[in-house]
Amino acid sequence: MYETQLLKIKIRPGKTPAVIDFLRSLRARKDLALEALRREGMVVESMFLERRDDGDYLYYYAKAQDLMHANQVNMMSTDPLTLEIRNFVTETWGHITSPEPLLDLELIQEEAPAKSRPRRKPKLPSAVQAPHALAG
């Protein structure tokens, strides 16, 4: 079972363009970002932007086997991308809240083993496997 976290993050005034640019830059460096997720034990990390009259907000959604461990690994990391992300957070994130989780359904564990197994052809009845034998 995975742990899930949702954060609602107030973006500092005037920083929304920098947030958008930075998150787009992470998409361009997807391999490095995914490497960091693997190192931390994360399986999902998503960010959404909401523009409101009272300011702009990021919604940060994360899923990991152990969120506390993922955070500890992140805080101890000294790779350039992680340091850049920490700087980004310091410069652009304001007040953070965490809504109360009410429901978190997942199929990740059910799906993962099936995807990692080699695909085999389904076993068919012998008459279907050798139709030429019936054509005599």
Protein backbone atom coordinates (compact mmCIF):
# COMPACT_ATOMS: atom_id res chain seq x y z
CA MET A 1 0.00 0.00 0.00
CA TYR A 2 1.24 3.45 -0.87
CA GLU A 3 1.03 6.69 1.07
CA THR A 4 -0.51 9.66 -0.69
CA GLN A 5 -0.05 13.36 -0.10
CA LEU A 6 -1.78 16.42 -1.51
CA LEU A 7 -0.46 19.90 -0.79
CA LYS A 8 -2.14 23.19 -1.67
CA ILE A 9 0.66 25.72 -2.10
CA LYS A 10 0.11 29.45 -2.39
CA ILE A 11 2.46 30.80 -5.06
CA ARG A 12 4.25 33.96 -3.97
CA PRO A 13 2.87 37.06 -5.75
CA GLY A 14 4.43 37.62 -9.16
CA LYS A 15 6.13 34.18 -9.20
CA THR A 16 3.59 32.23 -11.30
CA PRO A 17 5.51 32.72 -14.60
CA ALA A 18 8.69 31.44 -12.91
CA VAL A 19 6.78 28.42 -11.54
CA ILE A 20 5.41 27.58 -14.98
CA ASP A 21 8.82 27.97 -16.63
CA PHE A 22 10.55 25.85 -14.01
CA LEU A 23 8.01 23.02 -14.17
CA ARG A 24 8.24 23.03 -17.97
CA SER A 25 12.02 22.78 -17.63
CA LEU A 26 11.54 19.64 -15.52
CA ARG A 27 9.52 18.09 -18.33
CA ALA A 28 12.48 18.79 -20.62
CA ARG A 29 14.76 17.06 -18.08
CA LYS A 30 12.39 14.16 -17.50
CA ASP A 31 15.15 11.54 -17.24
CA LEU A 32 16.85 13.40 -14.38
CA ALA A 33 13.53 14.02 -12.64
CA LEU A 34 12.51 10.36 -12.88
CA GLU A 35 15.93 9.32 -11.56
CA ALA A 36 15.32 11.49 -8.49
CA LEU A 37 11.86 9.95 -8.01
CA ARG A 38 13.32 6.44 -8.15
CA ARG A 39 16.01 7.35 -5.65
CA GLU A 40 13.36 8.69 -3.26
CA GLY A 41 11.00 5.74 -3.75
CA MET A 42 8.24 7.88 -5.25
CA VAL A 43 5.82 6.37 -7.77
CA VAL A 44 3.78 9.47 -8.63
CA GLU A 45 4.49 13.17 -8.47
CA SER A 46 2.10 15.62 -10.14
CA MET A 47 1.62 19.38 -9.98
CA PHE A 48 -1.42 21.39 -11.01
CA LEU A 49 -1.92 25.15 -11.30
CA GLU A 50 -5.05 26.96 -10.14
CA ARG A 51 -5.50 30.65 -10.87
CA ARG A 52 -7.88 32.40 -8.46
CA ASP A 53 -8.88 35.95 -7.64
CA ASP A 54 -6.99 35.71 -4.34
CA GLY A 55 -3.81 34.43 -6.01
CA ASP A 56 -2.39 31.41 -7.75
CA TYR A 57 -1.96 27.98 -6.21
CA LEU A 58 -0.05 24.80 -6.95
CA TYR A 59 -1.52 21.46 -6.06
CA TYR A 60 1.22 18.93 -5.41
CA TYR A 61 0.16 15.27 -5.47
CA ALA A 62 2.63 12.56 -4.47
CA LYS A 63 2.51 8.84 -3.86
CA ALA A 64 5.25 6.67 -2.36
CA GLN A 65 5.68 3.55 -0.26
CA ASP A 66 7.02 5.77 2.54
CA LEU A 67 6.62 9.53 2.17
CA MET A 68 8.77 10.30 5.21
CA HIS A 69 11.62 8.22 3.80
CA ALA A 70 11.22 9.90 0.40
CA ASN A 71 11.50 13.29 2.08
CA GLN A 72 14.58 12.23 4.06
CA VAL A 73 16.33 10.98 0.91
CA ASN A 74 15.43 14.23 -0.84
CA MET A 75 16.75 16.39 2.00
CA MET A 76 20.07 14.50 2.08
CA SER A 77 20.55 14.61 -1.69
CA THR A 78 23.16 16.94 -3.13
CA ASP A 79 22.63 16.33 -6.84
CA PRO A 80 22.29 19.53 -8.92
CA LEU A 81 18.62 18.99 -9.87
CA THR A 82 17.52 18.46 -6.26
CA LEU A 83 19.42 21.57 -5.16
CA GLU A 84 17.77 23.53 -7.98
CA ILE A 85 14.32 22.29 -6.91
CA ARG A 86 14.95 23.30 -3.29
CA ASN A 87 15.93 26.79 -4.46
CA PHE A 88 12.79 26.94 -6.64
CA VAL A 89 10.60 26.01 -3.65
CA THR A 90 12.23 28.63 -1.41
CA GLU A 91 11.77 31.38 -4.00
CA THR A 92 8.24 30.62 -5.20
CA TRP A 93 6.24 28.76 -2.57
CA GLY A 94 4.24 30.57 0.08
CA HIS A 95 1.73 29.15 2.57
CA ILE A 96 1.18 25.37 2.34
CA THR A 97 -1.87 23.42 3.49
CA SER A 98 -2.61 19.71 3.30
CA PRO A 99 -6.27 18.83 2.75
CA GLU A 100 -7.72 15.93 4.73
CA PRO A 101 -7.60 12.70 2.71
CA LEU A 102 -10.96 10.99 2.43
CA LEU A 103 -10.45 8.34 -0.27
CA ASP A 104 -7.39 6.93 -2.01
CA LEU A 105 -8.05 3.96 -4.26
CA GLU A 106 -5.23 2.46 -6.26
CA LEU A 107 -4.37 -0.39 -8.56
CA ILE A 108 -0.65 0.33 -8.69
CA GLN A 109 0.42 -2.81 -6.83
CA GLU A 110 -2.01 -4.99 -8.78
CA GLU A 111 -0.85 -3.58 -12.11
CA ALA A 112 2.92 -3.44 -11.51
CA PRO A 113 3.62 -7.20 -11.35
CA ALA A 114 1.60 -7.84 -14.52
CA LYS A 115 3.58 -5.23 -16.43
CA SER A 116 6.94 -6.58 -15.28
CA ARG A 117 6.15 -10.17 -16.27
CA PRO A 118 6.99 -11.22 -19.82
CA ARG A 119 3.87 -11.44 -21.94
CA ARG A 120 2.93 -14.92 -23.03
CA LYS A 121 0.52 -15.88 -25.71
CA PRO A 122 -2.70 -17.21 -24.20
CA LYS A 123 -2.96 -20.98 -24.34
CA LEU A 124 -5.60 -21.87 -26.87
CA PRO A 125 -7.44 -25.18 -27.27
CA SER A 126 -5.57 -27.55 -29.59
CA ALA A 127 -8.20 -27.26 -32.34
CA VAL A 128 -7.65 -23.50 -32.40
CA GLN A 129 -3.85 -23.81 -32.27
CA ALA A 130 -3.74 -26.07 -35.32
CA PRO A 131 -6.69 -25.23 -37.56
CA HIS A 132 -5.04 -26.99 -40.51
CA ALA A 133 -5.55 -30.33 -38.72
CA LEU A 134 -9.31 -29.84 -38.94
CA ALA A 135 -9.32 -29.08 -42.63
CA GLY A 136 -8.69 -32.64 -43.83
